[in-house]
Amino acid sequence: MRRDVQEIFMKLPKEKQVMMFSATMTDDLRNVAKKFMNNPMEIYVDQRAKLTLHGLAQFFMNLTEAEKLRKLCDILDAVEFNQVIIFTSSVERCEALNRQLQVLKFPSQAVHSRMAQEERLRVYESCKSNQTRIVVATDLFGRGVDIDRINLVVQFDMASDADSYLHRVGRAGRFGTKGLTIAFITAEEKEIKRESRKYTDGGILKEVQDRFEMQVQELTDIKGQLNESQYMNQ
């Protein structure tokens, strides 16, 4: 990203006004901003994140890895939705899950970073026009995607941190509409080698609830606990 910003700055006049906007502000992003902005005024609106989460019907399900696919199919069959994004943790898992869903006759499409830009745009436009209702994605689709008919987000693989959770679930319930999010929680410890960090799904869920002062309910009975009025606009 820094290289892209540098190239843009080289083509701009010396005297200019610079404004930067981001849904989240990590330490790395703050360091990049300092290199391109001179003594900037910083405005943080943390309440927006809380409002985003509190406006959604949020649930989690405790599952084993082997149970995930069957439970996902149950959700797709039982829940009335306009469009759904199903998040996975890697390109490989994204492609594998998309193939499995297609074999099971769910008309899904995958989108991830190893696809050509033209192909990713084709999937995006297909979603915008409502031709595609089921998308299997990596976190590439978790930021900067505004499709107002998405009202269901399933985290087939739980987000690896609270910020990623926020970005993912924020794909549902855009523009003041309602939305439903369901996160699959497994007990296994996971590792992000590039960050030398280990985590558990349950730990991330606790971090989300503590940070954003909210409760995510456990979902044990799909038809019994879910009501269309929670996530479908009348």
C-alpha atoms as a PDB file:
ATOM      1  CA  MET A   1       0.000   0.000   0.000  1.00  0.00           C
ATOM      2  CA  ARG A   2       2.841   2.388   0.856  1.00  0.00           C
ATOM      3  CA  ARG A   3       4.281   2.077  -2.653  1.00  0.00           C
ATOM      4  CA  ASP A   4       0.887   2.869  -4.216  1.00  0.00           C
ATOM      5  CA  VAL A   5       0.529   5.964  -2.036  1.00  0.00           C
ATOM      6  CA  GLN A   6       4.064   7.084  -2.912  1.00  0.00           C
ATOM      7  CA  GLU A   7       3.337   6.839  -6.638  1.00  0.00           C
ATOM      8  CA  ILE A   8       0.183   8.921  -6.229  1.00  0.00           C
ATOM      9  CA  PHE A   9       1.987  11.576  -4.170  1.00  0.00           C
ATOM     10  CA  MET A  10       4.752  11.907  -6.768  1.00  0.00           C
ATOM     11  CA  LYS A  11       2.159  12.965  -9.349  1.00  0.00           C
ATOM     12  CA  LEU A  12       0.415  15.524  -7.144  1.00  0.00           C
ATOM     13  CA  PRO A  13       1.328  19.198  -6.689  1.00  0.00           C
ATOM     14  CA  LYS A  14       3.528  20.109  -3.735  1.00  0.00           C
ATOM     15  CA  GLU A  15       0.804  22.238  -2.133  1.00  0.00           C
ATOM     16  CA  LYS A  16      -2.222  20.049  -1.427  1.00  0.00           C
ATOM     17  CA  GLN A  17      -4.686  19.071   1.253  1.00  0.00           C
ATOM     18  CA  VAL A  18      -4.528  15.436   2.363  1.00  0.00           C
ATOM     19  CA  MET A  19      -7.335  13.582   4.129  1.00  0.00           C
ATOM     20  CA  MET A  20      -7.230   9.933   5.125  1.00  0.00           C
ATOM     21  CA  PHE A  21     -10.166   7.723   6.104  1.00  0.00           C
ATOM     22  CA  SER A  22     -10.139   4.202   7.496  1.00  0.00           C
ATOM     23  CA  ALA A  23     -12.649   1.985   9.293  1.00  0.00           C
ATOM     24  CA  THR A  24      -9.841   0.846  11.606  1.00  0.00           C
ATOM     25  CA  MET A  25      -6.463   2.411  12.460  1.00  0.00           C
ATOM     26  CA  THR A  26      -3.687  -0.114  13.063  1.00  0.00           C
ATOM     27  CA  ASP A  27      -0.156   0.843  14.148  1.00  0.00           C
ATOM     28  CA  ASP A  28       1.171   0.069  10.648  1.00  0.00           C
ATOM     29  CA  LEU A  29      -1.446   2.281   9.037  1.00  0.00           C
ATOM     30  CA  ARG A  30      -0.730   5.094  11.480  1.00  0.00           C
ATOM     31  CA  ASN A  31       2.994   4.920  10.596  1.00  0.00           C
ATOM     32  CA  VAL A  32       2.169   5.124   6.882  1.00  0.00           C
ATOM     33  CA  ALA A  33      -0.060   8.141   7.504  1.00  0.00           C
ATOM     34  CA  LYS A  34       2.729   9.972   9.343  1.00  0.00           C
ATOM     35  CA  LYS A  35       4.966   9.725   6.287  1.00  0.00           C
ATOM     36  CA  PHE A  36       2.467  11.454   4.036  1.00  0.00           C
ATOM     37  CA  MET A  37       0.740  13.923   6.348  1.00  0.00           C
ATOM     38  CA  ASN A  38       2.139  16.936   8.167  1.00  0.00           C
ATOM     39  CA  ASN A  39       0.907  17.251  11.768  1.00  0.00           C
ATOM     40  CA  PRO A  40      -2.597  15.996  10.912  1.00  0.00           C
ATOM     41  CA  MET A  41      -5.719  16.461  13.023  1.00  0.00           C
ATOM     42  CA  GLU A  42      -6.967  13.015  14.064  1.00  0.00           C
ATOM     43  CA  ILE A  43     -10.658  12.277  14.599  1.00  0.00           C
ATOM     44  CA  TYR A  44     -11.746   8.871  15.918  1.00  0.00           C
ATOM     45  CA  VAL A  45     -15.357   7.721  15.846  1.00  0.00           C
ATOM     46  CA  ASP A  46     -15.335   4.439  17.784  1.00  0.00           C
ATOM     47  CA  GLN A  47     -19.072   4.611  18.427  1.00  0.00           C
ATOM     48  CA  ARG A  48     -19.694   3.841  14.761  1.00  0.00           C
ATOM     49  CA  ALA A  49     -18.179   0.371  15.189  1.00  0.00           C
ATOM     50  CA  LYS A  50     -20.409  -0.297  18.170  1.00  0.00           C
ATOM     51  CA  LEU A  51     -23.465   0.929  16.279  1.00  0.00           C
ATOM     52  CA  THR A  52     -22.599  -1.338  13.344  1.00  0.00           C
ATOM     53  CA  LEU A  53     -22.470  -4.392  15.598  1.00  0.00           C
ATOM     54  CA  HIS A  54     -25.467  -3.524  17.718  1.00  0.00           C
ATOM     55  CA  GLY A  55     -27.580  -3.125  14.589  1.00  0.00           C
ATOM     56  CA  LEU A  56     -27.059  -6.763  13.597  1.00  0.00           C
ATOM     57  CA  ALA A  57     -28.538 -10.021  14.867  1.00  0.00           C
ATOM     58  CA  GLN A  58     -25.359 -11.903  15.836  1.00  0.00           C
ATOM     59  CA  PHE A  59     -24.940 -15.560  16.742  1.00  0.00           C
ATOM     60  CA  PHE A  60     -22.210 -18.167  17.090  1.00  0.00           C
ATOM     61  CA  MET A  61     -22.279 -21.972  16.835  1.00  0.00           C
ATOM     62  CA  ASN A  62     -19.877 -24.341  18.605  1.00  0.00           C
ATOM     63  CA  LEU A  63     -18.889 -26.965  16.028  1.00  0.00           C
ATOM     64  CA  THR A  64     -16.159 -29.389  15.107  1.00  0.00           C
ATOM     65  CA  GLU A  65     -14.413 -28.940  11.774  1.00  0.00           C
ATOM     66  CA  ALA A  66     -16.242 -31.996  10.450  1.00  0.00           C
ATOM     67  CA  GLU A  67     -19.638 -30.491  11.305  1.00  0.00           C
ATOM     68  CA  LYS A  68     -19.154 -27.170   9.536  1.00  0.00           C
ATOM     69  CA  LEU A  69     -20.226 -28.042   5.993  1.00  0.00           C
ATOM     70  CA  ARG A  70     -23.428 -29.813   7.037  1.00  0.00           C
ATOM     71  CA  LYS A  71     -24.368 -26.929   9.330  1.00  0.00           C
ATOM     72  CA  LEU A  72     -23.680 -24.381   6.601  1.00  0.00           C
ATOM     73  CA  CYS A  73     -26.002 -26.273   4.268  1.00  0.00           C
ATOM     74  CA  ASP A  74     -28.666 -26.330   6.987  1.00  0.00           C
ATOM     75  CA  ILE A  75     -28.388 -22.534   7.295  1.00  0.00           C
ATOM     76  CA  LEU A  76     -28.589 -21.963   3.539  1.00  0.00           C
ATOM     77  CA  ASP A  77     -31.672 -24.199   3.361  1.00  0.00           C
ATOM     78  CA  ALA A  78     -33.470 -22.855   6.439  1.00  0.00           C
ATOM     79  CA  VAL A  79     -32.668 -19.131   6.522  1.00  0.00           C
ATOM     80  CA  GLU A  80     -34.486 -16.719   4.233  1.00  0.00           C
ATOM     81  CA  PHE A  81     -31.807 -14.395   2.829  1.00  0.00           C
ATOM     82  CA  ASN A  82     -31.306 -12.000  -0.046  1.00  0.00           C
ATOM     83  CA  GLN A  83     -27.561 -12.523  -0.483  1.00  0.00           C
ATOM     84  CA  VAL A  84     -24.927 -14.179   1.707  1.00  0.00           C
ATOM     85  CA  ILE A  85     -21.146 -13.930   2.080  1.00  0.00           C
ATOM     86  CA  ILE A  86     -19.385 -16.951   3.555  1.00  0.00           C
ATOM     87  CA  PHE A  87     -15.925 -16.115   4.899  1.00  0.00           C
ATOM     88  CA  THR A  88     -13.009 -18.542   4.987  1.00  0.00           C
ATOM     89  CA  SER A  89      -9.485 -18.193   6.361  1.00  0.00           C
ATOM     90  CA  SER A  90      -7.453 -18.872   3.202  1.00  0.00           C
ATOM     91  CA  VAL A  91      -7.572 -19.037  -0.587  1.00  0.00           C
ATOM     92  CA  GLU A  92      -7.316 -22.821  -0.482  1.00  0.00           C
ATOM     93  CA  ARG A  93     -10.250 -23.178   1.905  1.00  0.00           C
ATOM     94  CA  CYS A  94     -12.252 -20.662  -0.118  1.00  0.00           C
ATOM     95  CA  GLU A  95     -11.826 -22.618  -3.342  1.00  0.00           C
ATOM     96  CA  ALA A  96     -12.452 -25.977  -1.637  1.00  0.00           C
ATOM     97  CA  LEU A  97     -15.660 -24.813   0.062  1.00  0.00           C
ATOM     98  CA  ASN A  98     -16.932 -23.237  -3.162  1.00  0.00           C
ATOM     99  CA  ARG A  99     -16.412 -26.542  -5.002  1.00  0.00           C
ATOM    100  CA  GLN A 100     -18.198 -28.469  -2.249  1.00  0.00           C
ATOM    101  CA  LEU A 101     -21.191 -26.130  -2.341  1.00  0.00           C
ATOM    102  CA  GLN A 102     -21.444 -26.364  -6.114  1.00  0.00           C
ATOM    103  CA  VAL A 103     -21.370 -30.159  -5.946  1.00  0.00           C
ATOM    104  CA  LEU A 104     -24.248 -29.889  -3.457  1.00  0.00           C
ATOM    105  CA  LYS A 105     -26.155 -27.747  -6.001  1.00  0.00           C
ATOM    106  CA  PHE A 106     -25.715 -24.399  -4.263  1.00  0.00           C
ATOM    107  CA  PRO A 107     -24.970 -21.789  -7.006  1.00  0.00           C
ATOM    108  CA  SER A 108     -22.015 -20.156  -5.261  1.00  0.00           C
ATOM    109  CA  GLN A 109     -19.093 -18.150  -6.583  1.00  0.00           C
ATOM    110  CA  ALA A 110     -15.661 -17.698  -5.013  1.00  0.00           C
ATOM    111  CA  VAL A 111     -13.633 -14.511  -4.732  1.00  0.00           C
ATOM    112  CA  HIS A 112     -10.084 -14.209  -3.394  1.00  0.00           C
ATOM    113  CA  SER A 113      -6.742 -12.481  -3.947  1.00  0.00           C
ATOM    114  CA  ARG A 114      -5.320 -15.010  -6.418  1.00  0.00           C
ATOM    115  CA  MET A 115      -8.051 -14.303  -8.936  1.00  0.00           C
ATOM    116  CA  ALA A 116      -7.367 -11.794 -11.685  1.00  0.00           C
ATOM    117  CA  GLN A 117      -8.743  -8.323 -11.007  1.00  0.00           C
ATOM    118  CA  GLU A 118     -11.111  -8.661 -13.975  1.00  0.00           C
ATOM    119  CA  GLU A 119     -12.544 -11.887 -12.564  1.00  0.00           C
ATOM    120  CA  ARG A 120     -13.007 -10.363  -9.099  1.00  0.00           C
ATOM    121  CA  LEU A 121     -14.821  -7.418 -10.653  1.00  0.00           C
ATOM    122  CA  ARG A 122     -17.037  -9.799 -12.603  1.00  0.00           C
ATOM    123  CA  VAL A 123     -18.100 -11.516  -9.355  1.00  0.00           C
ATOM    124  CA  TYR A 124     -18.651  -8.152  -7.683  1.00  0.00           C
ATOM    125  CA  GLU A 125     -20.836  -6.888 -10.540  1.00  0.00           C
ATOM    126  CA  SER A 126     -22.742 -10.163 -10.510  1.00  0.00           C
ATOM    127  CA  CYS A 127     -23.482  -9.586  -6.820  1.00  0.00           C
ATOM    128  CA  LYS A 128     -24.449  -5.954  -7.343  1.00  0.00           C
ATOM    129  CA  SER A 129     -26.953  -6.987 -10.002  1.00  0.00           C
ATOM    130  CA  ASN A 130     -28.279  -9.778  -7.735  1.00  0.00           C
ATOM    131  CA  GLN A 131     -27.353 -12.489 -10.243  1.00  0.00           C
ATOM    132  CA  THR A 132     -25.147 -14.120  -7.596  1.00  0.00           C
ATOM    133  CA  ARG A 133     -26.681 -14.728  -4.180  1.00  0.00           C
ATOM    134  CA  ILE A 134     -24.007 -16.911  -2.533  1.00  0.00           C
ATOM    135  CA  VAL A 135     -20.371 -15.767  -2.352  1.00  0.00           C
ATOM    136  CA  VAL A 136     -17.523 -17.689  -0.719  1.00  0.00           C
ATOM    137  CA  ALA A 137     -14.703 -15.280   0.089  1.00  0.00           C
ATOM    138  CA  THR A 138     -11.528 -14.542   1.975  1.00  0.00           C
ATOM    139  CA  ASP A 139     -11.028 -11.297   3.891  1.00  0.00           C
ATOM    140  CA  LEU A 140     -10.436  -9.624   0.528  1.00  0.00           C
ATOM    141  CA  PHE A 141     -14.227  -9.232   0.380  1.00  0.00           C
ATOM    142  CA  GLY A 142     -14.398  -8.046   3.982  1.00  0.00           C
ATOM    143  CA  ARG A 143     -13.468  -4.420   3.315  1.00  0.00           C
ATOM    144  CA  GLY A 144     -14.689  -1.778   0.929  1.00  0.00           C
ATOM    145  CA  VAL A 145     -17.553  -3.878  -0.459  1.00  0.00           C
ATOM    146  CA  ASP A 146     -20.946  -2.182  -0.419  1.00  0.00           C
ATOM    147  CA  ILE A 147     -23.758  -4.397  -1.678  1.00  0.00           C
ATOM    148  CA  ASP A 148     -27.020  -3.336  -0.113  1.00  0.00           C
ATOM    149  CA  ARG A 149     -28.845  -6.675  -0.554  1.00  0.00           C
ATOM    150  CA  ILE A 150     -26.403  -8.685   1.589  1.00  0.00           C
ATOM    151  CA  ASN A 151     -28.243  -9.530   4.794  1.00  0.00           C
ATOM    152  CA  LEU A 152     -26.467 -12.726   5.891  1.00  0.00           C
ATOM    153  CA  VAL A 153     -22.802 -13.249   6.772  1.00  0.00           C
ATOM    154  CA  VAL A 154     -21.507 -16.677   7.784  1.00  0.00           C
ATOM    155  CA  GLN A 155     -17.991 -16.946   9.164  1.00  0.00           C
ATOM    156  CA  PHE A 156     -17.222 -20.536   8.140  1.00  0.00           C
ATOM    157  CA  ASP A 157     -13.789 -19.807   9.595  1.00  0.00           C
ATOM    158  CA  MET A 158     -13.834 -17.353  12.485  1.00  0.00           C
ATOM    159  CA  ALA A 159     -12.029 -14.031  12.024  1.00  0.00           C
ATOM    160  CA  SER A 160      -8.489 -13.935  13.415  1.00  0.00           C
ATOM    161  CA  ASP A 161      -8.982 -10.654  15.325  1.00  0.00           C
ATOM    162  CA  ALA A 162     -11.700  -8.238  16.436  1.00  0.00           C
ATOM    163  CA  ASP A 163     -11.091  -5.756  13.605  1.00  0.00           C
ATOM    164  CA  SER A 164     -11.526  -8.479  10.977  1.00  0.00           C
ATOM    165  CA  TYR A 165     -14.711  -9.581  12.726  1.00  0.00           C
ATOM    166  CA  LEU A 166     -16.042  -6.023  12.520  1.00  0.00           C
ATOM    167  CA  HIS A 167     -15.223  -5.702   8.817  1.00  0.00           C
ATOM    168  CA  ARG A 168     -16.745  -9.064   7.967  1.00  0.00           C
ATOM    169  CA  VAL A 169     -20.066  -8.673   9.753  1.00  0.00           C
ATOM    170  CA  GLY A 170     -20.282  -5.108   8.501  1.00  0.00           C
ATOM    171  CA  ARG A 171     -20.987  -6.494   5.007  1.00  0.00           C
ATOM    172  CA  ALA A 172     -24.515  -7.283   6.240  1.00  0.00           C
ATOM    173  CA  GLY A 173     -27.006  -4.638   7.249  1.00  0.00           C
ATOM    174  CA  ARG A 174     -25.483  -1.888   5.094  1.00  0.00           C
ATOM    175  CA  PHE A 175     -27.169   1.483   4.645  1.00  0.00           C
ATOM    176  CA  GLY A 176     -29.398   1.123   7.695  1.00  0.00           C
ATOM    177  CA  THR A 177     -30.851  -2.250   6.686  1.00  0.00           C
ATOM    178  CA  LYS A 178     -31.095  -5.304   8.930  1.00  0.00           C
ATOM    179  CA  GLY A 179     -28.631  -8.180   8.921  1.00  0.00           C
ATOM    180  CA  LEU A 180     -27.824 -11.581  10.409  1.00  0.00           C
ATOM    181  CA  THR A 181     -24.342 -12.923  11.165  1.00  0.00           C
ATOM    182  CA  ILE A 182     -23.373 -16.416  12.292  1.00  0.00           C
ATOM    183  CA  ALA A 183     -19.826 -17.402  13.320  1.00  0.00           C
ATOM    184  CA  PHE A 184     -18.657 -21.022  13.467  1.00  0.00           C
ATOM    185  CA  ILE A 185     -16.510 -21.550  16.562  1.00  0.00           C
ATOM    186  CA  THR A 186     -14.130 -24.509  16.907  1.00  0.00           C
ATOM    187  CA  ALA A 187     -11.952 -25.420  19.879  1.00  0.00           C
ATOM    188  CA  GLU A 188      -8.664 -25.872  18.013  1.00  0.00           C
ATOM    189  CA  GLU A 189      -5.816 -23.428  18.588  1.00  0.00           C
ATOM    190  CA  LYS A 190      -4.754 -21.636  15.403  1.00  0.00           C
ATOM    191  CA  GLU A 191      -1.572 -19.870  14.394  1.00  0.00           C
ATOM    192  CA  ILE A 192      -0.738 -16.937  12.130  1.00  0.00           C
ATOM    193  CA  LYS A 193       2.914 -17.582  11.352  1.00  0.00           C
ATOM    194  CA  ARG A 194       3.576 -14.212   9.693  1.00  0.00           C
ATOM    195  CA  GLU A 195       2.527 -12.537  12.951  1.00  0.00           C
ATOM    196  CA  SER A 196       4.013 -15.197  15.288  1.00  0.00           C
ATOM    197  CA  ARG A 197       0.620 -15.288  16.987  1.00  0.00           C
ATOM    198  CA  LYS A 198      -1.663 -18.052  18.194  1.00  0.00           C
ATOM    199  CA  TYR A 199      -5.350 -17.683  18.981  1.00  0.00           C
ATOM    200  CA  THR A 200      -8.601 -19.557  19.474  1.00  0.00           C
ATOM    201  CA  ASP A 201     -12.003 -18.782  17.987  1.00  0.00           C
ATOM    202  CA  GLY A 202     -13.466 -18.491  21.472  1.00  0.00           C
ATOM    203  CA  GLY A 203     -10.774 -16.018  22.458  1.00  0.00           C
ATOM    204  CA  ILE A 204     -11.556 -13.801  19.471  1.00  0.00           C
ATOM    205  CA  LEU A 205     -15.271 -13.960  20.274  1.00  0.00           C
ATOM    206  CA  LYS A 206     -14.568 -12.851  23.854  1.00  0.00           C
ATOM    207  CA  GLU A 207     -12.368 -10.009  22.586  1.00  0.00           C
ATOM    208  CA  VAL A 208     -15.176  -8.827  20.292  1.00  0.00           C
ATOM    209  CA  GLN A 209     -17.755  -8.880  23.069  1.00  0.00           C
ATOM    210  CA  ASP A 210     -15.486  -7.126  25.568  1.00  0.00           C
ATOM    211  CA  ARG A 211     -14.242  -4.470  23.162  1.00  0.00           C
ATOM    212  CA  PHE A 212     -17.615  -3.570  21.680  1.00  0.00           C
ATOM    213  CA  GLU A 213     -19.634  -4.091  24.868  1.00  0.00           C
ATOM    214  CA  MET A 214     -22.118  -6.555  23.423  1.00  0.00           C
ATOM    215  CA  GLN A 215     -23.259 -10.148  23.659  1.00  0.00           C
ATOM    216  CA  VAL A 216     -23.225 -12.640  20.785  1.00  0.00           C
ATOM    217  CA  GLN A 217     -25.808 -15.352  21.388  1.00  0.00           C
ATOM    218  CA  GLU A 218     -25.175 -19.063  20.914  1.00  0.00           C
ATOM    219  CA  LEU A 219     -27.303 -20.573  18.150  1.00  0.00           C
ATOM    220  CA  THR A 220     -28.398 -24.152  18.824  1.00  0.00           C
ATOM    221  CA  ASP A 221     -31.766 -24.245  17.034  1.00  0.00           C
ATOM    222  CA  ILE A 222     -31.737 -22.521  13.633  1.00  0.00           C
ATOM    223  CA  LYS A 223     -35.469 -22.564  13.000  1.00  0.00           C
ATOM    224  CA  GLY A 224     -36.437 -22.069  16.637  1.00  0.00           C
ATOM    225  CA  GLN A 225     -34.171 -19.099  17.446  1.00  0.00           C
ATOM    226  CA  LEU A 226     -34.112 -17.169  14.178  1.00  0.00           C
ATOM    227  CA  ASN A 227     -36.972 -14.891  13.257  1.00  0.00           C
ATOM    228  CA  GLU A 228     -37.156 -13.154   9.887  1.00  0.00           C
ATOM    229  CA  SER A 229     -38.077  -9.895  11.592  1.00  0.00           C
ATOM    230  CA  GLN A 230     -34.544  -9.850  13.077  1.00  0.00           C
ATOM    231  CA  TYR A 231     -32.752  -9.649   9.751  1.00  0.00           C
ATOM    232  CA  MET A 232     -35.245  -9.159   6.889  1.00  0.00           C
ATOM    233  CA  ASN A 233     -36.496  -5.697   5.985  1.00  0.00           C
ATOM    234  CA  GLN A 234     -40.261  -5.648   5.704  1.00  0.00           C
END
